[in-house]
């Protein structure tokens, strides 16, 4: 049996660019349903969308009734892992306790590089 493929998605876009926030979750969910091991790492401004209450307030398309939270929930339900890069929390004065419970790990830059090197593909948004 062959090992699962690994996809790492680096999400750098945050609450100030809502039109750039759903695609990473959509692609992650699609890959996860294809039996790919998917991780999304939130860094730079990306950490702002995993702060409690933020995803519910982000609407990718103006006038839509579907918040980013729907895309986030679909990804998690399909096994996508959510990780935050620690320096981005400091950048935005976000404390660990303010993150949504779906975030399972907080890492530094070296760990991010290791994950990228171990992945079959890396996508950045």
PDB file of N, CA and C in Angstrom:
ATOM      1  N   UNK A   1       0.842  -1.187   0.000  1.00  0.00           N
ATOM      2  CA  UNK A   1       0.000   0.000   0.000  1.00  0.00           C
ATOM      3  C   UNK A   1       0.884   1.247   0.000  1.00  0.00           C
ATOM      4  N   UNK A   2       0.579   2.185  -0.853  1.00  0.00           N
ATOM      5  CA  UNK A   2       1.389   3.400  -0.932  1.00  0.00           C
ATOM      6  C   UNK A   2       0.973   4.405   0.133  1.00  0.00           C
ATOM      7  N   UNK A   3       1.933   5.252   0.482  1.00  0.00           N
ATOM      8  CA  UNK A   3       1.692   6.297   1.470  1.00  0.00           C
ATOM      9  C   UNK A   3       0.767   7.357   0.888  1.00  0.00           C
ATOM     10  N   UNK A   4      -0.022   7.977   1.767  1.00  0.00           N
ATOM     11  CA  UNK A   4      -0.895   9.064   1.326  1.00  0.00           C
ATOM     12  C   UNK A   4      -0.063  10.237   0.830  1.00  0.00           C
ATOM     13  N   UNK A   5      -0.552  10.893  -0.186  1.00  0.00           N
ATOM     14  CA  UNK A   5       0.074  12.140  -0.642  1.00  0.00           C
ATOM     15  C   UNK A   5      -0.169  13.210   0.411  1.00  0.00           C
ATOM     16  N   UNK A   6       0.764  14.164   0.513  1.00  0.00           N
ATOM     17  CA  UNK A   6       0.644  15.257   1.482  1.00  0.00           C
ATOM     18  C   UNK A   6       0.567  16.591   0.754  1.00  0.00           C
ATOM     19  N   UNK A   7      -0.438  17.375   1.135  1.00  0.00           N
ATOM     20  CA  UNK A   7      -0.614  18.718   0.591  1.00  0.00           C
ATOM     21  C   UNK A   7      -0.558  19.712   1.737  1.00  0.00           C
ATOM     22  N   UNK A   8       0.312  20.693   1.610  1.00  0.00           N
ATOM     23  CA  UNK A   8       0.412  21.764   2.593  1.00  0.00           C
ATOM     24  C   UNK A   8      -0.099  23.040   1.939  1.00  0.00           C
ATOM     25  N   UNK A   9      -1.071  23.678   2.586  1.00  0.00           N
ATOM     26  CA  UNK A   9      -1.606  24.945   2.100  1.00  0.00           C
ATOM     27  C   UNK A   9      -1.202  26.023   3.096  1.00  0.00           C
ATOM     28  N   UNK A  10      -0.547  27.051   2.597  1.00  0.00           N
ATOM     29  CA  UNK A  10      -0.128  28.166   3.445  1.00  0.00           C
ATOM     30  C   UNK A  10      -1.076  29.328   3.176  1.00  0.00           C
ATOM     31  N   UNK A  11      -1.840  29.692   4.194  1.00  0.00           N
ATOM     32  CA  UNK A  11      -2.843  30.751   4.071  1.00  0.00           C
ATOM     33  C   UNK A  11      -2.288  32.031   4.683  1.00  0.00           C
ATOM     34  N   UNK A  12      -1.967  33.004   3.832  1.00  0.00           N
ATOM     35  CA  UNK A  12      -1.435  34.282   4.311  1.00  0.00           C
ATOM     36  C   UNK A  12      -2.482  35.390   4.287  1.00  0.00           C
ATOM     37  N   UNK A  13      -3.614  35.149   3.628  1.00  0.00           N
ATOM     38  CA  UNK A  13      -4.672  36.158   3.524  1.00  0.00           C
ATOM     39  C   UNK A  13      -5.587  36.081   4.735  1.00  0.00           C
ATOM     40  N   UNK A  14      -6.078  37.242   5.153  1.00  0.00           N
ATOM     41  CA  UNK A  14      -6.902  37.290   6.355  1.00  0.00           C
ATOM     42  C   UNK A  14      -8.190  38.060   6.180  1.00  0.00           C
ATOM     43  N   UNK A  15      -8.669  38.601   7.293  1.00  0.00           N
ATOM     44  CA  UNK A  15      -9.979  39.246   7.320  1.00  0.00           C
ATOM     45  C   UNK A  15     -10.074  40.468   6.408  1.00  0.00           C
ATOM     46  N   UNK A  16      -8.961  41.084   6.081  1.00  0.00           N
ATOM     47  CA  UNK A  16      -8.992  42.277   5.232  1.00  0.00           C
ATOM     48  C   UNK A  16      -9.086  41.967   3.741  1.00  0.00           C
ATOM     49  N   UNK A  17      -8.948  40.689   3.372  1.00  0.00           N
ATOM     50  CA  UNK A  17      -9.087  40.271   1.971  1.00  0.00           C
ATOM     51  C   UNK A  17     -10.021  39.061   1.910  1.00  0.00           C
ATOM     52  N   UNK A  18     -11.298  39.262   2.216  1.00  0.00           N
ATOM     53  CA  UNK A  18     -12.232  38.135   2.308  1.00  0.00           C
ATOM     54  C   UNK A  18     -12.344  37.313   1.031  1.00  0.00           C
ATOM     55  N   UNK A  19     -12.155  37.946  -0.123  1.00  0.00           N
ATOM     56  CA  UNK A  19     -12.274  37.223  -1.393  1.00  0.00           C
ATOM     57  C   UNK A  19     -11.173  36.182  -1.567  1.00  0.00           C
ATOM     58  N   UNK A  20     -10.132  36.247  -0.753  1.00  0.00           N
ATOM     59  CA  UNK A  20      -9.010  35.301  -0.851  1.00  0.00           C
ATOM     60  C   UNK A  20      -9.045  34.222   0.238  1.00  0.00           C
ATOM     61  N   UNK A  21     -10.111  34.164   1.013  1.00  0.00           N
ATOM     62  CA  UNK A  21     -10.106  33.273   2.174  1.00  0.00           C
ATOM     63  C   UNK A  21     -10.765  31.910   1.953  1.00  0.00           C
ATOM     64  N   UNK A  22     -11.714  31.797   1.059  1.00  0.00           N
ATOM     65  CA  UNK A  22     -12.445  30.533   0.909  1.00  0.00           C
ATOM     66  C   UNK A  22     -11.704  29.500   0.069  1.00  0.00           C
ATOM     67  N   UNK A  23     -11.002  29.939  -0.964  1.00  0.00           N
ATOM     68  CA  UNK A  23     -10.352  28.994  -1.883  1.00  0.00           C
ATOM     69  C   UNK A  23      -9.450  27.978  -1.183  1.00  0.00           C
ATOM     70  N   UNK A  24      -8.632  28.377  -0.208  1.00  0.00           N
ATOM     71  CA  UNK A  24      -7.797  27.370   0.461  1.00  0.00           C
ATOM     72  C   UNK A  24      -8.616  26.262   1.134  1.00  0.00           C
ATOM     73  N   UNK A  25      -9.738  26.630   1.748  1.00  0.00           N
ATOM     74  CA  UNK A  25     -10.589  25.625   2.394  1.00  0.00           C
ATOM     75  C   UNK A  25     -11.260  24.733   1.353  1.00  0.00           C
ATOM     76  N   UNK A  26     -11.709  25.336   0.271  1.00  0.00           N
ATOM     77  CA  UNK A  26     -12.365  24.587  -0.801  1.00  0.00           C
ATOM     78  C   UNK A  26     -11.401  23.569  -1.405  1.00  0.00           C
ATOM     79  N   UNK A  27     -10.201  24.009  -1.712  1.00  0.00           N
ATOM     80  CA  UNK A  27      -9.192  23.111  -2.289  1.00  0.00           C
ATOM     81  C   UNK A  27      -8.779  22.045  -1.279  1.00  0.00           C
ATOM     82  N   UNK A  28      -8.618  22.435  -0.028  1.00  0.00           N
ATOM     83  CA  UNK A  28      -8.254  21.472   1.019  1.00  0.00           C
ATOM     84  C   UNK A  28      -9.311  20.388   1.163  1.00  0.00           C
ATOM     85  N   UNK A  29     -10.575  20.787   1.167  1.00  0.00           N
ATOM     86  CA  UNK A  29     -11.663  19.816   1.285  1.00  0.00           C
ATOM     87  C   UNK A  29     -11.674  18.881   0.085  1.00  0.00           C
ATOM     88  N   UNK A  30     -11.516  19.437  -1.104  1.00  0.00           N
ATOM     89  CA  UNK A  30     -11.480  18.609  -2.315  1.00  0.00           C
ATOM     90  C   UNK A  30     -10.356  17.582  -2.243  1.00  0.00           C
ATOM     91  N   UNK A  31      -9.172  18.018  -1.845  1.00  0.00           N
ATOM     92  CA  UNK A  31      -8.029  17.104  -1.748  1.00  0.00           C
ATOM     93  C   UNK A  31      -8.259  16.043  -0.676  1.00  0.00           C
ATOM     94  N   UNK A  32      -8.817  16.441   0.458  1.00  0.00           N
ATOM     95  CA  UNK A  32      -9.066  15.487   1.546  1.00  0.00           C
ATOM     96  C   UNK A  32     -10.039  14.397   1.106  1.00  0.00           C
ATOM     97  N   UNK A  33     -11.033  14.759   0.294  1.00  0.00           N
ATOM     98  CA  UNK A  33     -11.981  13.747  -0.185  1.00  0.00           C
ATOM     99  C   UNK A  33     -11.333  12.807  -1.199  1.00  0.00           C
ATOM    100  N   UNK A  34     -10.160  13.186  -1.698  1.00  0.00           N
ATOM    101  CA  UNK A  34      -9.393  12.338  -2.620  1.00  0.00           C
ATOM    102  C   UNK A  34      -8.323  11.546  -1.868  1.00  0.00           C
ATOM    103  N   UNK A  35      -8.481  11.439  -0.560  1.00  0.00           N
ATOM    104  CA  UNK A  35      -7.585  10.680   0.307  1.00  0.00           C
ATOM    105  C   UNK A  35      -6.173  11.272   0.377  1.00  0.00           C
ATOM    106  N   UNK A  36      -6.093  12.600   0.341  1.00  0.00           N
ATOM    107  CA  UNK A  36      -4.826  13.308   0.503  1.00  0.00           C
ATOM    108  C   UNK A  36      -4.753  13.808   1.943  1.00  0.00           C
ATOM    109  N   UNK A  37      -3.586  13.728   2.550  1.00  0.00           N
ATOM    110  CA  UNK A  37      -3.346  14.255   3.896  1.00  0.00           C
ATOM    111  C   UNK A  37      -3.113  15.760   3.756  1.00  0.00           C
ATOM    112  N   UNK A  38      -4.070  16.571   4.235  1.00  0.00           N
ATOM    113  CA  UNK A  38      -4.035  18.017   4.001  1.00  0.00           C
ATOM    114  C   UNK A  38      -3.878  18.788   5.310  1.00  0.00           C
ATOM    115  N   UNK A  39      -2.980  19.757   5.282  1.00  0.00           N
ATOM    116  CA  UNK A  39      -2.782  20.671   6.407  1.00  0.00           C
ATOM    117  C   UNK A  39      -2.826  22.095   5.877  1.00  0.00           C
ATOM    118  N   UNK A  40      -3.548  22.962   6.595  1.00  0.00           N
ATOM    119  CA  UNK A  40      -3.512  24.394   6.295  1.00  0.00           C
ATOM    120  C   UNK A  40      -2.756  25.073   7.426  1.00  0.00           C
ATOM    121  N   UNK A  41      -1.735  25.846   7.060  1.00  0.00           N
ATOM    122  CA  UNK A  41      -1.000  26.648   8.040  1.00  0.00           C
ATOM    123  C   UNK A  41      -1.378  28.110   7.820  1.00  0.00           C
ATOM    124  N   UNK A  42      -1.791  28.760   8.891  1.00  0.00           N
ATOM    125  CA  UNK A  42      -2.185  30.164   8.843  1.00  0.00           C
ATOM    126  C   UNK A  42      -1.020  31.007   9.338  1.00  0.00           C
ATOM    127  N   UNK A  43      -0.556  31.909   8.482  1.00  0.00           N
ATOM    128  CA  UNK A  43       0.560  32.767   8.843  1.00  0.00           C
ATOM    129  C   UNK A  43       0.323  34.173   8.298  1.00  0.00           C
ATOM    130  N   UNK A  44       1.153  35.091   8.668  1.00  0.00           N
ATOM    131  CA  UNK A  44       1.032  36.516   8.327  1.00  0.00           C
ATOM    132  C   UNK A  44      -0.382  36.965   8.707  1.00  0.00           C
ATOM    133  N   UNK A  45      -1.226  37.345   7.738  1.00  0.00           N
ATOM    134  CA  UNK A  45      -2.586  37.788   8.061  1.00  0.00           C
ATOM    135  C   UNK A  45      -3.578  36.634   8.174  1.00  0.00           C
ATOM    136  N   UNK A  46      -3.171  35.450   7.755  1.00  0.00           N
ATOM    137  CA  UNK A  46      -4.055  34.288   7.799  1.00  0.00           C
ATOM    138  C   UNK A  46      -4.535  33.942   9.191  1.00  0.00           C
ATOM    139  N   UNK A  47      -3.715  34.224  10.186  1.00  0.00           N
ATOM    140  CA  UNK A  47      -4.110  33.890  11.564  1.00  0.00           C
ATOM    141  C   UNK A  47      -5.348  34.654  12.012  1.00  0.00           C
ATOM    142  N   UNK A  48      -5.668  35.764  11.361  1.00  0.00           N
ATOM    143  CA  UNK A  48      -6.845  36.546  11.769  1.00  0.00           C
ATOM    144  C   UNK A  48      -8.152  35.826  11.483  1.00  0.00           C
ATOM    145  N   UNK A  49      -8.152  34.852  10.580  1.00  0.00           N
ATOM    146  CA  UNK A  49      -9.412  34.171  10.265  1.00  0.00           C
ATOM    147  C   UNK A  49      -9.688  32.980  11.172  1.00  0.00           C
ATOM    148  N   UNK A  50      -8.708  32.577  11.987  1.00  0.00           N
ATOM    149  CA  UNK A  50      -8.957  31.482  12.928  1.00  0.00           C
ATOM    150  C   UNK A  50      -9.092  31.989  14.367  1.00  0.00           C
ATOM    151  N   UNK A  51      -9.271  33.282  14.495  1.00  0.00           N
ATOM    152  CA  UNK A  51      -9.606  33.865  15.800  1.00  0.00           C
ATOM    153  C   UNK A  51     -11.098  33.619  16.023  1.00  0.00           C
ATOM    154  N   UNK A  52     -11.475  33.261  17.231  1.00  0.00           N
ATOM    155  CA  UNK A  52     -12.878  32.957  17.532  1.00  0.00           C
ATOM    156  C   UNK A  52     -13.798  34.060  17.025  1.00  0.00           C
ATOM    157  N   UNK A  53     -14.841  33.659  16.298  1.00  0.00           N
ATOM    158  CA  UNK A  53     -15.851  34.581  15.799  1.00  0.00           C
ATOM    159  C   UNK A  53     -15.540  35.229  14.463  1.00  0.00           C
ATOM    160  N   UNK A  54     -14.302  35.153  14.001  1.00  0.00           N
ATOM    161  CA  UNK A  54     -13.919  35.840  12.756  1.00  0.00           C
ATOM    162  C   UNK A  54     -14.526  35.188  11.516  1.00  0.00           C
ATOM    163  N   UNK A  55     -14.441  33.872  11.403  1.00  0.00           N
ATOM    164  CA  UNK A  55     -14.911  33.185  10.194  1.00  0.00           C
ATOM    165  C   UNK A  55     -16.408  33.377   9.971  1.00  0.00           C
ATOM    166  N   UNK A  56     -17.147  33.553  11.051  1.00  0.00           N
ATOM    167  CA  UNK A  56     -18.591  33.766  10.935  1.00  0.00           C
ATOM    168  C   UNK A  56     -18.918  35.139  10.354  1.00  0.00           C
ATOM    169  N   UNK A  57     -17.971  36.061  10.420  1.00  0.00           N
ATOM    170  CA  UNK A  57     -18.192  37.436   9.939  1.00  0.00           C
ATOM    171  C   UNK A  57     -17.624  37.679   8.543  1.00  0.00           C
ATOM    172  N   UNK A  58     -16.945  36.676   7.989  1.00  0.00           N
ATOM    173  CA  UNK A  58     -16.327  36.834   6.671  1.00  0.00           C
ATOM    174  C   UNK A  58     -17.238  36.223   5.612  1.00  0.00           C
ATOM    175  N   UNK A  59     -17.595  37.042   4.639  1.00  0.00           N
ATOM    176  CA  UNK A  59     -18.401  36.586   3.515  1.00  0.00           C
ATOM    177  C   UNK A  59     -17.592  36.829   2.249  1.00  0.00           C
ATOM    178  N   UNK A  60     -17.297  35.734   1.555  1.00  0.00           N
ATOM    179  CA  UNK A  60     -16.420  35.796   0.400  1.00  0.00           C
ATOM    180  C   UNK A  60     -17.021  36.681  -0.685  1.00  0.00           C
ATOM    181  N   UNK A  61     -18.312  36.531  -0.892  1.00  0.00           N
ATOM    182  CA  UNK A  61     -19.008  37.328  -1.895  1.00  0.00           C
ATOM    183  C   UNK A  61     -19.979  38.250  -1.184  1.00  0.00           C
ATOM    184  N   UNK A  62     -19.897  39.521  -1.502  1.00  0.00           N
ATOM    185  CA  UNK A  62     -20.789  40.497  -0.882  1.00  0.00           C
ATOM    186  C   UNK A  62     -22.241  40.120  -1.153  1.00  0.00           C
ATOM    187  N   UNK A  63     -23.051  40.137  -0.102  1.00  0.00           N
ATOM    188  CA  UNK A  63     -24.461  39.797  -0.223  1.00  0.00           C
ATOM    189  C   UNK A  63     -24.761  38.321  -0.027  1.00  0.00           C
ATOM    190  N   UNK A  64     -23.738  37.501   0.074  1.00  0.00           N
ATOM    191  CA  UNK A  64     -23.933  36.065   0.285  1.00  0.00           C
ATOM    192  C   UNK A  64     -24.359  35.810   1.721  1.00  0.00           C
ATOM    193  N   UNK A  65     -25.101  34.732   1.919  1.00  0.00           N
ATOM    194  CA  UNK A  65     -25.476  34.361   3.284  1.00  0.00           C
ATOM    195  C   UNK A  65     -24.608  33.216   3.802  1.00  0.00           C
ATOM    196  N   UNK A  66     -23.588  32.847   3.050  1.00  0.00           N
ATOM    197  CA  UNK A  66     -22.704  31.741   3.430  1.00  0.00           C
ATOM    198  C   UNK A  66     -21.363  32.309   3.905  1.00  0.00           C
ATOM    199  N   UNK A  67     -21.117  32.166   5.195  1.00  0.00           N
ATOM    200  CA  UNK A  67     -19.876  32.705   5.761  1.00  0.00           C
ATOM    201  C   UNK A  67     -18.712  31.745   5.528  1.00  0.00           C
ATOM    202  N   UNK A  68     -17.528  32.234   5.783  1.00  0.00           N
ATOM    203  CA  UNK A  68     -16.323  31.418   5.670  1.00  0.00           C
ATOM    204  C   UNK A  68     -16.389  30.221   6.616  1.00  0.00           C
ATOM    205  N   UNK A  69     -17.118  30.355   7.698  1.00  0.00           N
ATOM    206  CA  UNK A  69     -17.228  29.265   8.677  1.00  0.00           C
ATOM    207  C   UNK A  69     -17.733  27.984   8.024  1.00  0.00           C
ATOM    208  N   UNK A  70     -18.617  28.098   7.039  1.00  0.00           N
ATOM    209  CA  UNK A  70     -19.139  26.921   6.331  1.00  0.00           C
ATOM    210  C   UNK A  70     -17.994  26.170   5.655  1.00  0.00           C
ATOM    211  N   UNK A  71     -17.121  26.900   4.974  1.00  0.00           N
ATOM    212  CA  UNK A  71     -15.983  26.279   4.286  1.00  0.00           C
ATOM    213  C   UNK A  71     -14.999  25.672   5.286  1.00  0.00           C
ATOM    214  N   UNK A  72     -14.764  26.374   6.379  1.00  0.00           N
ATOM    215  CA  UNK A  72     -13.861  25.893   7.425  1.00  0.00           C
ATOM    216  C   UNK A  72     -14.393  24.589   8.021  1.00  0.00           C
ATOM    217  N   UNK A  73     -15.683  24.562   8.345  1.00  0.00           N
ATOM    218  CA  UNK A  73     -16.286  23.356   8.927  1.00  0.00           C
ATOM    219  C   UNK A  73     -16.208  22.170   7.975  1.00  0.00           C
ATOM    220  N   UNK A  74     -16.467  22.406   6.689  1.00  0.00           N
ATOM    221  CA  UNK A  74     -16.385  21.320   5.705  1.00  0.00           C
ATOM    222  C   UNK A  74     -14.973  20.747   5.645  1.00  0.00           C
ATOM    223  N   UNK A  75     -13.990  21.611   5.685  1.00  0.00           N
ATOM    224  CA  UNK A  75     -12.598  21.150   5.635  1.00  0.00           C
ATOM    225  C   UNK A  75     -12.271  20.281   6.848  1.00  0.00           C
ATOM    226  N   UNK A  76     -12.611  20.770   8.029  1.00  0.00           N
ATOM    227  CA  UNK A  76     -12.316  20.027   9.263  1.00  0.00           C
ATOM    228  C   UNK A  76     -13.065  18.695   9.284  1.00  0.00           C
ATOM    229  N   UNK A  77     -14.325  18.702   8.861  1.00  0.00           N
ATOM    230  CA  UNK A  77     -15.120  17.468   8.827  1.00  0.00           C
ATOM    231  C   UNK A  77     -14.506  16.420   7.910  1.00  0.00           C
ATOM    232  N   UNK A  78     -13.742  16.859   6.926  1.00  0.00           N
ATOM    233  CA  UNK A  78     -13.094  15.933   5.996  1.00  0.00           C
ATOM    234  C   UNK A  78     -11.652  15.617   6.371  1.00  0.00           C
ATOM    235  N   UNK A  79     -11.240  16.031   7.569  1.00  0.00           N
ATOM    236  CA  UNK A  79      -9.937  15.635   8.089  1.00  0.00           C
ATOM    237  C   UNK A  79      -8.799  16.608   7.855  1.00  0.00           C
ATOM    238  N   UNK A  80      -9.087  17.804   7.366  1.00  0.00           N
ATOM    239  CA  UNK A  80      -8.036  18.798   7.156  1.00  0.00           C
ATOM    240  C   UNK A  80      -7.550  19.305   8.511  1.00  0.00           C
ATOM    241  N   UNK A  81      -6.229  19.350   8.675  1.00  0.00           N
ATOM    242  CA  UNK A  81      -5.636  19.829   9.929  1.00  0.00           C
ATOM    243  C   UNK A  81      -5.351  21.322   9.828  1.00  0.00           C
ATOM    244  N   UNK A  82      -5.651  22.053  10.908  1.00  0.00           N
ATOM    245  CA  UNK A  82      -5.428  23.494  10.954  1.00  0.00           C
ATOM    246  C   UNK A  82      -4.322  23.811  11.951  1.00  0.00           C
ATOM    247  N   UNK A  83      -3.310  24.540  11.490  1.00  0.00           N
ATOM    248  CA  UNK A  83      -2.146  24.893  12.302  1.00  0.00           C
ATOM    249  C   UNK A  83      -1.875  26.392  12.131  1.00  0.00           C
ATOM    250  N   UNK A  84      -1.403  27.039  13.187  1.00  0.00           N
ATOM    251  CA  UNK A  84      -1.090  28.468  13.128  1.00  0.00           C
ATOM    252  C   UNK A  84       0.401  28.673  13.381  1.00  0.00           C
ATOM    253  N   UNK A  85       0.977  29.606  12.644  1.00  0.00           N
ATOM    254  CA  UNK A  85       2.373  29.985  12.837  1.00  0.00           C
ATOM    255  C   UNK A  85       2.445  31.029  13.951  1.00  0.00           C
ATOM    256  N   UNK A  86       3.222  30.740  14.977  1.00  0.00           N
ATOM    257  CA  UNK A  86       3.278  31.574  16.176  1.00  0.00           C
ATOM    258  C   UNK A  86       3.595  33.047  15.918  1.00  0.00           C
ATOM    259  N   UNK A  87       4.590  33.379  15.096  1.00  0.00           N
ATOM    260  CA  UNK A  87       4.894  34.803  14.901  1.00  0.00           C
ATOM    261  C   UNK A  87       3.703  35.621  14.385  1.00  0.00           C
ATOM    262  N   UNK A  88       2.813  34.983  13.618  1.00  0.00           N
ATOM    263  CA  UNK A  88       1.651  35.729  13.117  1.00  0.00           C
ATOM    264  C   UNK A  88       0.661  36.051  14.230  1.00  0.00           C
ATOM    265  N   UNK A  89       0.644  35.226  15.271  1.00  0.00           N
ATOM    266  CA  UNK A  89      -0.202  35.538  16.429  1.00  0.00           C
ATOM    267  C   UNK A  89       0.320  36.789  17.119  1.00  0.00           C
ATOM    268  N   UNK A  90       1.630  36.849  17.295  1.00  0.00           N
ATOM    269  CA  UNK A  90       2.235  38.038  17.903  1.00  0.00           C
ATOM    270  C   UNK A  90       1.999  39.279  17.044  1.00  0.00           C
ATOM    271  N   UNK A  91       2.092  39.124  15.737  1.00  0.00           N
ATOM    272  CA  UNK A  91       1.889  40.235  14.812  1.00  0.00           C
ATOM    273  C   UNK A  91       0.517  40.886  15.006  1.00  0.00           C
ATOM    274  N   UNK A  92      -0.487  40.054  15.280  1.00  0.00           N
ATOM    275  CA  UNK A  92      -1.864  40.546  15.404  1.00  0.00           C
ATOM    276  C   UNK A  92      -2.368  40.567  16.849  1.00  0.00           C
ATOM    277  N   UNK A  93      -1.469  40.398  17.802  1.00  0.00           N
ATOM    278  CA  UNK A  93      -1.845  40.394  19.227  1.00  0.00           C
ATOM    279  C   UNK A  93      -2.973  39.407  19.527  1.00  0.00           C
ATOM    280  N   UNK A  94      -2.880  38.220  18.941  1.00  0.00           N
ATOM    281  CA  UNK A  94      -3.861  37.156  19.179  1.00  0.00           C
ATOM    282  C   UNK A  94      -3.256  36.171  20.169  1.00  0.00           C
ATOM    283  N   UNK A  95      -4.012  35.845  21.203  1.00  0.00           N
ATOM    284  CA  UNK A  95      -3.565  34.877  22.204  1.00  0.00           C
ATOM    285  C   UNK A  95      -4.080  33.486  21.836  1.00  0.00           C
ATOM    286  N   UNK A  96      -3.364  32.464  22.284  1.00  0.00           N
ATOM    287  CA  UNK A  96      -3.744  31.078  22.007  1.00  0.00           C
ATOM    288  C   UNK A  96      -5.201  30.816  22.386  1.00  0.00           C
ATOM    289  N   UNK A  97      -5.640  31.372  23.502  1.00  0.00           N
ATOM    290  CA  UNK A  97      -7.002  31.156  23.998  1.00  0.00           C
ATOM    291  C   UNK A  97      -8.055  31.763  23.078  1.00  0.00           C
ATOM    292  N   UNK A  98      -7.647  32.670  22.206  1.00  0.00           N
ATOM    293  CA  UNK A  98      -8.586  33.333  21.295  1.00  0.00           C
ATOM    294  C   UNK A  98      -8.780  32.566  19.987  1.00  0.00           C
ATOM    295  N   UNK A  99      -8.034  31.486  19.801  1.00  0.00           N
ATOM    296  CA  UNK A  99      -8.143  30.700  18.574  1.00  0.00           C
ATOM    297  C   UNK A  99      -9.322  29.738  18.644  1.00  0.00           C
ATOM    298  N   UNK A 100      -9.871  29.415  17.483  1.00  0.00           N
ATOM    299  CA  UNK A 100     -10.948  28.429  17.429  1.00  0.00           C
ATOM    300  C   UNK A 100     -10.390  27.071  17.865  1.00  0.00           C
ATOM    301  N   UNK A 101     -11.238  26.213  18.443  1.00  0.00           N
ATOM    302  CA  UNK A 101     -10.744  24.921  18.942  1.00  0.00           C
ATOM    303  C   UNK A 101     -10.252  23.982  17.841  1.00  0.00           C
ATOM    304  N   UNK A 102     -10.629  24.239  16.606  1.00  0.00           N
ATOM    305  CA  UNK A 102     -10.185  23.386  15.501  1.00  0.00           C
ATOM    306  C   UNK A 102      -8.695  23.527  15.210  1.00  0.00           C
ATOM    307  N   UNK A 103      -8.076  24.602  15.681  1.00  0.00           N
ATOM    308  CA  UNK A 103      -6.622  24.764  15.529  1.00  0.00           C
ATOM    309  C   UNK A 103      -5.961  23.818  16.524  1.00  0.00           C
ATOM    310  N   UNK A 104      -5.227  22.866  16.008  1.00  0.00           N
ATOM    311  CA  UNK A 104      -4.660  21.812  16.852  1.00  0.00           C
ATOM    312  C   UNK A 104      -3.214  22.035  17.249  1.00  0.00           C
ATOM    313  N   UNK A 105      -2.553  22.998  16.596  1.00  0.00           N
ATOM    314  CA  UNK A 105      -1.129  23.160  16.876  1.00  0.00           C
ATOM    315  C   UNK A 105      -0.685  24.576  16.513  1.00  0.00           C
ATOM    316  N   UNK A 106       0.290  25.061  17.253  1.00  0.00           N
ATOM    317  CA  UNK A 106       0.936  26.337  16.959  1.00  0.00           C
ATOM    318  C   UNK A 106       2.413  26.030  16.747  1.00  0.00           C
ATOM    319  N   UNK A 107       2.956  26.482  15.617  1.00  0.00           N
ATOM    320  CA  UNK A 107       4.336  26.139  15.269  1.00  0.00           C
ATOM    321  C   UNK A 107       5.151  27.393  14.954  1.00  0.00           C
ATOM    322  N   UNK A 108       6.451  27.218  14.864  1.00  0.00           N
ATOM    323  CA  UNK A 108       7.356  28.294  14.470  1.00  0.00           C
ATOM    324  C   UNK A 108       7.804  28.118  13.030  1.00  0.00           C
ATOM    325  N   UNK A 109       8.669  28.993  12.597  1.00  0.00           N
ATOM    326  CA  UNK A 109       9.136  28.987  11.219  1.00  0.00           C
ATOM    327  C   UNK A 109       9.871  27.725  10.808  1.00  0.00           C
ATOM    328  N   UNK A 110      10.702  27.185  11.689  1.00  0.00           N
ATOM    329  CA  UNK A 110      11.461  25.975  11.351  1.00  0.00           C
ATOM    330  C   UNK A 110      10.532  24.790  11.115  1.00  0.00           C
ATOM    331  N   UNK A 111       9.497  24.669  11.930  1.00  0.00           N
ATOM    332  CA  UNK A 111       8.530  23.580  11.754  1.00  0.00           C
ATOM    333  C   UNK A 111       7.773  23.739  10.437  1.00  0.00           C
ATOM    334  N   UNK A 112       7.462  24.970  10.082  1.00  0.00           N
ATOM    335  CA  UNK A 112       6.787  25.221   8.805  1.00  0.00           C
ATOM    336  C   UNK A 112       7.673  24.769   7.644  1.00  0.00           C
ATOM    337  N   UNK A 113       8.942  25.091   7.705  1.00  0.00           N
ATOM    338  CA  UNK A 113       9.878  24.674   6.652  1.00  0.00           C
ATOM    339  C   UNK A 113       9.948  23.152   6.585  1.00  0.00           C
ATOM    340  N   UNK A 114      10.037  22.486   7.728  1.00  0.00           N
ATOM    341  CA  UNK A 114      10.056  21.018   7.751  1.00  0.00           C
ATOM    342  C   UNK A 114       8.812  20.439   7.088  1.00  0.00           C
ATOM    343  N   UNK A 115       7.653  20.997   7.431  1.00  0.00           N
ATOM    344  CA  UNK A 115       6.406  20.496   6.849  1.00  0.00           C
ATOM    345  C   UNK A 115       6.388  20.703   5.339  1.00  0.00           C
ATOM    346  N   UNK A 116       6.872  21.836   4.888  1.00  0.00           N
ATOM    347  CA  UNK A 116       6.913  22.100   3.448  1.00  0.00           C
ATOM    348  C   UNK A 116       7.820  21.100   2.736  1.00  0.00           C
ATOM    349  N   UNK A 117       8.967  20.801   3.336  1.00  0.00           N
ATOM    350  CA  UNK A 117       9.907  19.859   2.729  1.00  0.00           C
ATOM    351  C   UNK A 117       9.373  18.433   2.710  1.00  0.00           C
ATOM    352  N   UNK A 118       8.528  18.084   3.672  1.00  0.00           N
ATOM    353  CA  UNK A 118       7.960  16.736   3.749  1.00  0.00           C
ATOM    354  C   UNK A 118       6.722  16.568   2.872  1.00  0.00           C
ATOM    355  N   UNK A 119       6.154  17.656   2.398  1.00  0.00           N
ATOM    356  CA  UNK A 119       4.921  17.597   1.608  1.00  0.00           C
ATOM    357  C   UNK A 119       5.221  17.302   0.144  1.00  0.00           C
ATOM    358  N   UNK A 120       4.233  16.677  -0.511  1.00  0.00           N
ATOM    359  CA  UNK A 120       4.364  16.431  -1.945  1.00  0.00           C
ATOM    360  C   UNK A 120       4.137  17.710  -2.747  1.00  0.00           C
ATOM    361  N   UNK A 121       3.247  18.558  -2.235  1.00  0.00           N
ATOM    362  CA  UNK A 121       2.945  19.837  -2.878  1.00  0.00           C
ATOM    363  C   UNK A 121       2.680  20.893  -1.819  1.00  0.00           C
ATOM    364  N   UNK A 122       3.002  22.143  -2.150  1.00  0.00           N
ATOM    365  CA  UNK A 122       2.722  23.279  -1.275  1.00  0.00           C
ATOM    366  C   UNK A 122       2.005  24.337  -2.105  1.00  0.00           C
ATOM    367  N   UNK A 123       0.853  24.784  -1.614  1.00  0.00           N
ATOM    368  CA  UNK A 123       0.102  25.867  -2.251  1.00  0.00           C
ATOM    369  C   UNK A 123       0.083  27.049  -1.300  1.00  0.00           C
ATOM    370  N   UNK A 124       0.181  28.243  -1.842  1.00  0.00           N
ATOM    371  CA  UNK A 124       0.171  29.444  -1.009  1.00  0.00           C
ATOM    372  C   UNK A 124      -0.924  30.388  -1.478  1.00  0.00           C
ATOM    373  N   UNK A 125      -1.675  30.904  -0.512  1.00  0.00           N
ATOM    374  CA  UNK A 125      -2.741  31.874  -0.796  1.00  0.00           C
ATOM    375  C   UNK A 125      -2.513  33.116   0.022  1.00  0.00           C
TER     376      UNK A 125
END
